[in-house]
Amino acid sequence: MTHVQVPVTDSLLAALRKAPHEVGPEILLAAAIHWYQQGIISMGRAAEAAGLDRPAFLSELARRRIDVFVVDEDDLTRELNHG
């Protein structure tokens, strides 16, 4: 496994009201959600990146009111034109 260091300012920690040890998992989750929404990674890979199993990742998406299904507009157009 590769580890990446991300600098976080004290003012960000204060604004988030998080301790330093809480921010790492939060950043991983935010990145995983972003990459999943962009269609860059699958839901399973996003859950793995966030350090969660798939049901926990789905629950987190629901808690944050984030669409579970990501639809590519080009794929949708192709599907609709074939129907």
Protein backbone atom coordinates (compact mmCIF):
# COMPACT_ATOMS: atom_id res chain seq x y z
CA MET A 1 0.00 0.00 0.00
CA THR A 2 1.22 3.48 -0.80
CA HIS A 3 0.80 6.28 1.72
CA VAL A 4 0.30 9.92 0.72
CA GLN A 5 0.80 12.86 3.04
CA VAL A 6 -1.64 15.75 2.75
CA PRO A 7 -0.91 18.95 4.65
CA VAL A 8 -3.91 20.34 6.54
CA THR A 9 -3.85 23.77 8.11
CA ASP A 10 -4.85 24.35 11.71
CA SER A 11 -7.51 26.77 10.51
CA LEU A 12 -9.10 23.99 8.40
CA LEU A 13 -9.09 21.64 11.38
CA ALA A 14 -10.74 24.36 13.45
CA ALA A 15 -13.35 25.06 10.75
CA LEU A 16 -14.13 21.35 10.43
CA ARG A 17 -14.10 20.92 14.21
CA LYS A 18 -12.08 17.76 13.71
CA ALA A 19 -8.98 16.37 15.34
CA PRO A 20 -6.06 15.57 13.03
CA HIS A 21 -6.67 11.81 13.28
CA GLU A 22 -10.28 12.31 12.11
CA VAL A 23 -9.42 14.28 8.96
CA GLY A 24 -7.57 11.54 7.07
CA PRO A 25 -10.56 9.19 6.83
CA GLU A 26 -12.82 12.15 6.01
CA ILE A 27 -10.54 13.19 3.13
CA LEU A 28 -10.44 9.61 1.81
CA LEU A 29 -14.23 9.39 1.92
CA ALA A 30 -14.68 12.77 0.20
CA ALA A 31 -12.21 11.79 -2.53
CA ALA A 32 -13.86 8.39 -3.01
CA ILE A 33 -17.30 9.99 -3.33
CA HIS A 34 -15.98 12.58 -5.79
CA TRP A 35 -14.24 9.99 -7.96
CA TYR A 36 -17.34 7.78 -7.90
CA GLN A 37 -19.63 10.68 -8.88
CA GLN A 38 -17.28 11.56 -11.74
CA GLY A 39 -17.45 7.96 -12.99
CA ILE A 40 -13.69 7.55 -12.54
CA ILE A 41 -14.03 4.54 -10.22
CA SER A 42 -16.72 1.97 -9.51
CA MET A 43 -18.78 1.92 -6.35
CA GLY A 44 -16.83 -1.07 -5.07
CA ARG A 45 -13.51 0.65 -5.69
CA ALA A 46 -14.83 3.85 -4.06
CA ALA A 47 -15.89 1.91 -0.97
CA GLU A 48 -12.45 0.30 -0.83
CA ALA A 49 -10.72 3.67 -1.22
CA ALA A 50 -12.82 5.07 1.63
CA GLY A 51 -11.95 2.10 3.84
CA LEU A 52 -15.56 0.93 3.94
CA ASP A 53 -17.43 -2.11 2.76
CA ARG A 54 -19.98 -1.56 0.00
CA PRO A 55 -23.08 -1.44 2.29
CA ALA A 56 -21.39 1.13 4.55
CA PHE A 57 -20.41 3.21 1.53
CA LEU A 58 -24.00 3.07 0.24
CA SER A 59 -25.23 4.15 3.67
CA GLU A 60 -22.79 7.05 3.66
CA LEU A 61 -24.01 8.14 0.21
CA ALA A 62 -27.61 7.99 1.45
CA ARG A 63 -26.75 9.92 4.62
CA ARG A 64 -25.20 12.65 2.49
CA ARG A 65 -28.10 12.53 0.00
CA ILE A 66 -25.80 11.63 -2.89
CA ASP A 67 -27.21 9.74 -5.86
CA VAL A 68 -26.25 6.09 -5.68
CA PHE A 69 -26.35 5.57 -9.43
CA VAL A 70 -24.06 7.57 -11.66
CA VAL A 71 -25.35 7.87 -15.22
CA ASP A 72 -23.14 9.02 -18.06
CA GLU A 73 -25.12 11.34 -20.37
CA ASP A 74 -23.63 9.84 -23.54
CA ASP A 75 -24.50 6.31 -22.38
CA LEU A 76 -28.02 7.41 -21.51
CA THR A 77 -28.49 9.05 -24.93
CA ARG A 78 -27.30 5.87 -26.68
CA GLU A 79 -29.67 3.73 -24.59
CA LEU A 80 -32.64 6.01 -25.28
CA ASN A 81 -31.94 6.07 -29.02
CA HIS A 82 -31.91 2.27 -29.18
CA GLY A 83 -35.29 1.94 -27.48
